[in-house]
Structure formats: C-alpha cells, structure tokens
C-alpha cells in the first residue's frame, strides 16, 4: 500500500486520516506516538514512496 511520496508526505496523509486517535493522549504520549509513526514511515520509504506490504481478499457470497 502506498502512503505518500516520502515520509513527510506519508505522515501528513496518515495524521490527516487518523490523527483523531491521538486526542486522548497527553503531550508525552502524543510525542512518542508521532515519533514512532515517523520511524516506521521512514523505514518503509523507497524510491517509489512509502510502501507497506498489504493484501485483500474479495469474497462474494452466493445465495440460493
């Protein structure tokens, strides 16, 4: 899954979607969470952007 062109772009994208998850944290918790986010985004940065392996199953129910 592609998260952005680089770690900074991916951080903006991720926090834009999921930043609400930091709302209940104190300042220290928020800092640790964003530091950890930056670290994993940077670790997954490549020439093609920030990429994580992912998969999906598409299941169709057949009735009758």
N, C-alpha and C. Protein backbone atom coordinates (compact mmCIF):
# COMPACT_ATOMS: atom_id res chain seq x y z
N UNK A 1 0.84 -1.16 0.00
CA UNK A 1 0.00 0.00 0.00
C UNK A 1 0.90 1.23 0.00
N UNK A 2 0.57 2.20 -0.83
CA UNK A 2 1.34 3.43 -0.97
C UNK A 2 0.77 4.49 -0.04
N UNK A 3 1.61 5.09 0.81
CA UNK A 3 1.16 6.09 1.78
C UNK A 3 1.58 7.50 1.43
N UNK A 4 2.53 7.67 0.54
CA UNK A 4 2.97 9.01 0.16
C UNK A 4 4.28 8.97 -0.58
N UNK A 5 4.65 10.12 -1.12
CA UNK A 5 5.88 10.23 -1.91
C UNK A 5 7.14 10.08 -1.06
N UNK A 6 7.06 10.50 0.19
CA UNK A 6 8.18 10.37 1.13
C UNK A 6 7.59 10.33 2.54
N UNK A 7 8.47 10.19 3.55
CA UNK A 7 7.98 10.02 4.92
C UNK A 7 7.17 11.23 5.40
N UNK A 8 7.58 12.43 5.05
CA UNK A 8 6.84 13.63 5.47
C UNK A 8 5.45 13.66 4.83
N UNK A 9 5.37 13.31 3.56
CA UNK A 9 4.09 13.26 2.86
C UNK A 9 3.19 12.18 3.48
N UNK A 10 3.76 11.02 3.77
CA UNK A 10 3.00 9.93 4.38
C UNK A 10 2.54 10.29 5.79
N UNK A 11 3.33 11.04 6.53
CA UNK A 11 2.93 11.46 7.87
C UNK A 11 1.72 12.39 7.79
N UNK A 12 1.75 13.35 6.88
CA UNK A 12 0.60 14.24 6.70
C UNK A 12 -0.65 13.46 6.33
N UNK A 13 -0.51 12.51 5.41
CA UNK A 13 -1.63 11.69 4.98
C UNK A 13 -2.20 10.89 6.16
N UNK A 14 -1.31 10.20 6.88
CA UNK A 14 -1.74 9.34 7.98
C UNK A 14 -2.38 10.14 9.10
N UNK A 15 -1.76 11.23 9.51
CA UNK A 15 -2.33 12.04 10.58
C UNK A 15 -3.60 12.74 10.14
N UNK A 16 -3.72 13.05 8.85
CA UNK A 16 -4.95 13.63 8.35
C UNK A 16 -6.12 12.67 8.46
N UNK A 17 -5.86 11.40 8.26
CA UNK A 17 -6.92 10.39 8.36
C UNK A 17 -7.14 9.90 9.79
N UNK A 18 -6.06 9.71 10.51
CA UNK A 18 -6.13 9.03 11.80
C UNK A 18 -5.64 9.85 12.98
N UNK A 19 -5.42 11.13 12.77
CA UNK A 19 -4.92 11.98 13.84
C UNK A 19 -5.82 12.02 15.06
N UNK A 20 -7.11 11.76 14.85
CA UNK A 20 -8.06 11.74 15.97
C UNK A 20 -7.68 10.69 17.01
N UNK A 21 -6.91 9.70 16.62
CA UNK A 21 -6.52 8.66 17.56
C UNK A 21 -5.56 9.17 18.63
N UNK A 22 -4.97 10.34 18.40
CA UNK A 22 -4.05 10.93 19.37
C UNK A 22 -4.77 11.81 20.39
N UNK A 23 -6.05 12.06 20.19
CA UNK A 23 -6.80 13.02 21.02
C UNK A 23 -6.75 12.72 22.52
N UNK A 24 -6.78 11.48 22.91
CA UNK A 24 -6.81 11.14 24.33
C UNK A 24 -5.44 11.08 24.99
N UNK A 25 -4.39 11.34 24.23
CA UNK A 25 -3.04 11.24 24.78
C UNK A 25 -2.57 12.56 25.36
N UNK A 26 -1.72 12.46 26.39
CA UNK A 26 -1.08 13.67 26.90
C UNK A 26 0.05 14.06 25.94
N UNK A 27 0.71 15.16 26.22
CA UNK A 27 1.75 15.66 25.33
C UNK A 27 2.86 14.64 25.09
N UNK A 28 3.29 13.96 26.15
CA UNK A 28 4.35 12.96 26.03
C UNK A 28 3.89 11.77 25.18
N UNK A 29 2.69 11.30 25.41
CA UNK A 29 2.14 10.19 24.63
C UNK A 29 2.00 10.56 23.17
N UNK A 30 1.54 11.76 22.89
CA UNK A 30 1.40 12.24 21.52
C UNK A 30 2.78 12.32 20.84
N UNK A 31 3.77 12.81 21.57
CA UNK A 31 5.12 12.91 21.02
C UNK A 31 5.68 11.53 20.70
N UNK A 32 5.51 10.58 21.63
CA UNK A 32 6.01 9.22 21.39
C UNK A 32 5.31 8.58 20.20
N UNK A 33 4.00 8.77 20.11
CA UNK A 33 3.24 8.17 19.01
C UNK A 33 3.68 8.74 17.66
N UNK A 34 3.85 10.05 17.58
CA UNK A 34 4.25 10.65 16.30
C UNK A 34 5.71 10.31 15.98
N UNK A 35 6.57 10.21 17.00
CA UNK A 35 7.95 9.79 16.76
C UNK A 35 7.99 8.36 16.21
N UNK A 36 7.18 7.47 16.80
CA UNK A 36 7.12 6.08 16.33
C UNK A 36 6.54 6.02 14.91
N UNK A 37 5.54 6.84 14.63
CA UNK A 37 4.98 6.89 13.29
C UNK A 37 6.04 7.31 12.28
N UNK A 38 6.76 8.39 12.59
CA UNK A 38 7.83 8.86 11.70
C UNK A 38 8.87 7.77 11.46
N UNK A 39 9.22 7.04 12.52
CA UNK A 39 10.25 6.00 12.40
C UNK A 39 9.79 4.89 11.45
N UNK A 40 8.56 4.44 11.58
CA UNK A 40 8.10 3.36 10.71
C UNK A 40 7.89 3.85 9.28
N UNK A 41 7.44 5.08 9.11
CA UNK A 41 7.29 5.62 7.76
C UNK A 41 8.65 5.75 7.08
N UNK A 42 9.62 6.23 7.81
CA UNK A 42 10.98 6.38 7.27
C UNK A 42 11.56 5.01 6.92
N UNK A 43 11.31 4.01 7.76
CA UNK A 43 11.82 2.66 7.50
C UNK A 43 11.21 2.05 6.24
N UNK A 44 10.03 2.51 5.85
CA UNK A 44 9.35 1.97 4.67
C UNK A 44 9.46 2.87 3.44
N UNK A 45 10.30 3.90 3.55
CA UNK A 45 10.49 4.82 2.44
C UNK A 45 11.37 4.16 1.37
N UNK A 46 10.99 4.34 0.11
CA UNK A 46 11.76 3.80 -1.02
C UNK A 46 11.76 4.83 -2.15
N UNK A 47 12.41 4.50 -3.23
CA UNK A 47 12.40 5.39 -4.39
C UNK A 47 10.99 5.56 -4.97
N UNK A 48 10.11 4.60 -4.68
CA UNK A 48 8.73 4.65 -5.17
C UNK A 48 7.76 5.24 -4.17
N UNK A 49 8.24 5.72 -3.04
CA UNK A 49 7.40 6.29 -2.00
C UNK A 49 7.41 5.43 -0.75
N UNK A 50 6.51 5.72 0.16
CA UNK A 50 6.39 4.95 1.40
C UNK A 50 5.44 3.80 1.12
N UNK A 51 5.98 2.59 1.17
CA UNK A 51 5.21 1.41 0.79
C UNK A 51 5.17 0.39 1.92
N UNK A 52 3.99 -0.17 2.15
CA UNK A 52 3.79 -1.27 3.10
C UNK A 52 3.18 -2.43 2.34
N UNK A 53 3.63 -3.63 2.66
CA UNK A 53 3.02 -4.81 2.06
C UNK A 53 1.59 -4.92 2.56
N UNK A 54 0.70 -5.29 1.67
CA UNK A 54 -0.69 -5.47 2.07
C UNK A 54 -1.36 -6.45 1.12
N UNK A 55 -2.50 -6.95 1.55
CA UNK A 55 -3.27 -7.87 0.73
C UNK A 55 -4.74 -7.69 1.08
N UNK A 56 -5.58 -8.14 0.19
CA UNK A 56 -7.01 -8.06 0.42
C UNK A 56 -7.66 -9.31 -0.15
N UNK A 57 -8.69 -9.76 0.50
CA UNK A 57 -9.48 -10.86 -0.01
C UNK A 57 -10.81 -10.30 -0.45
N UNK A 58 -11.22 -10.62 -1.63
CA UNK A 58 -12.54 -10.23 -2.10
C UNK A 58 -13.40 -11.49 -2.09
N UNK A 59 -14.46 -11.45 -1.31
CA UNK A 59 -15.32 -12.61 -1.13
C UNK A 59 -16.71 -12.26 -1.61
N UNK A 60 -17.27 -13.13 -2.39
CA UNK A 60 -18.62 -12.94 -2.88
C UNK A 60 -19.49 -14.06 -2.35
N UNK A 61 -20.55 -13.69 -1.65
CA UNK A 61 -21.47 -14.69 -1.13
C UNK A 61 -22.42 -15.13 -2.24
N UNK A 62 -22.58 -16.43 -2.37
CA UNK A 62 -23.51 -16.98 -3.35
C UNK A 62 -24.70 -17.54 -2.60
N UNK A 63 -25.85 -17.03 -2.93
CA UNK A 63 -27.07 -17.47 -2.25
C UNK A 63 -27.90 -18.31 -3.21
N UNK A 64 -28.60 -19.22 -2.65
CA UNK A 64 -29.55 -19.96 -3.49
C UNK A 64 -29.25 -21.35 -3.59
